[in-house]
Amino acid sequence: MRPASLTMLGLVILALSAASTPAQEKSSPLPSYMPLGKEVCYGRTYDRNHLASHPRQRVTSFHLFRDFTPDESAESPSYSAGNLREADGDGGIIVSAYVRFRNRPGIFWNGLNCTRTESGTVRCGIDCDGGGFALRGRGETLLVENEGFVVVGGCGASEEDSAQADFVAPGADDKVFRLDPKPVAECRALEDARRPAWAKLGAPLRVRLDTSDPVCFARHYDDAHLAKHPRQTVRRIAVRKAAGKRLDPGEFPSYELTFRIELKSGGHFERKIACHAEQYAFLCTNDTATDGPREFFLSRAGDGHVMLRDRRGVMQTMFDTTLGSDDRLFRLEQTSDGACNF
């Protein structure tokens, strides 16, 4: 859910913090290619002939995007386009790197901060030793001199991201990339494609939870359903936010939620844990002192519904009971508060 060590929002927060204090005049390290406040896209997609002649090249496409359009679908709060442009050029500029790999499906992404060093080199880097690359212009194109950088995983990543970790290594044929000017729409399409499917399914959970009233999501499975899913042990499940506001009034929404289950055997279990906004879902963390996986997720699942995603079986440890292999994914309905009390 989080791309490496420092999310794009984290980079923006750093830039806005710099903008709020006296600083040197704003500037872009590559003003002819990436002027302040302007959305630009550079990229290249390698065709079959190129890849056949470079068998050791893992990257099949590489794009850099300067983006000032807020992502309203994210669970993390978005700054306005005006604020993003106001912060631009204070302590560097922010770019998004999108890559595709020969041996792995999907789009991989990270945000980088680009600055000009004392030696005159422009370097784009990821905080917390996430790596980076040098960047320089040649004619109308940009040359990326790859030093190796994280696109999934890295320090601060969730357990799920850590398990999916990937790195754009400067291998034999992945050392230098020549990127051409592209329409902004081409990079925007990559940004849209990297979002999980559920990001389009209803309003963000941060909007639904941001109320002083109680919020209840619940599901009651009847005998017919349980007969068709013999490996499901949960008969009733509920997630409740009590009356009141978020735990942290800062940038990232977080809440203490109560999780309840009732088993087919009649057992009842309850646990309160904290969940916080994490890109396009809310990440919920069980006791960090326990061994094994500790994280599961809540994501939107359409208007009036949420999906509880526990693919790593964290709830079994959280409730200290035995759950079935079909107790990993639950689609819950937002309903009256009474449905969460059983």
Foldseek 3Di string as FASTA:
>chain_A
DAWADAAPVNVLVVLLVLLVDDDPDFAALCCVQDNQLDKFKWKDAADPVVCVVVVVQFWRMKMKIQDLPWDQLWLFDTDHSVSSSSSARRQAHKIKMWTQTPVDDDIFIHIWGWDQDPVRWIWTDDPQPQATWTWDDDVQKIKTQGPKGWRFYYPPHAPVSPVVTDMQHCDPPSGMDIIHTDPNVVVVVSVVRRDDPLSPADHAVSVVQAAQAKWKWKDAADPVVCVVVVLFFWGIKMKMFHGGGAPDPDRKGKGWIKIWTATPVGDIFIDTFMWIGDTQWIWTFAPPVDDDHTIWTWHHDHVQKIKTAAQRPNVCVRRVHDGGNVPGIDIIGTDDPVSNPD
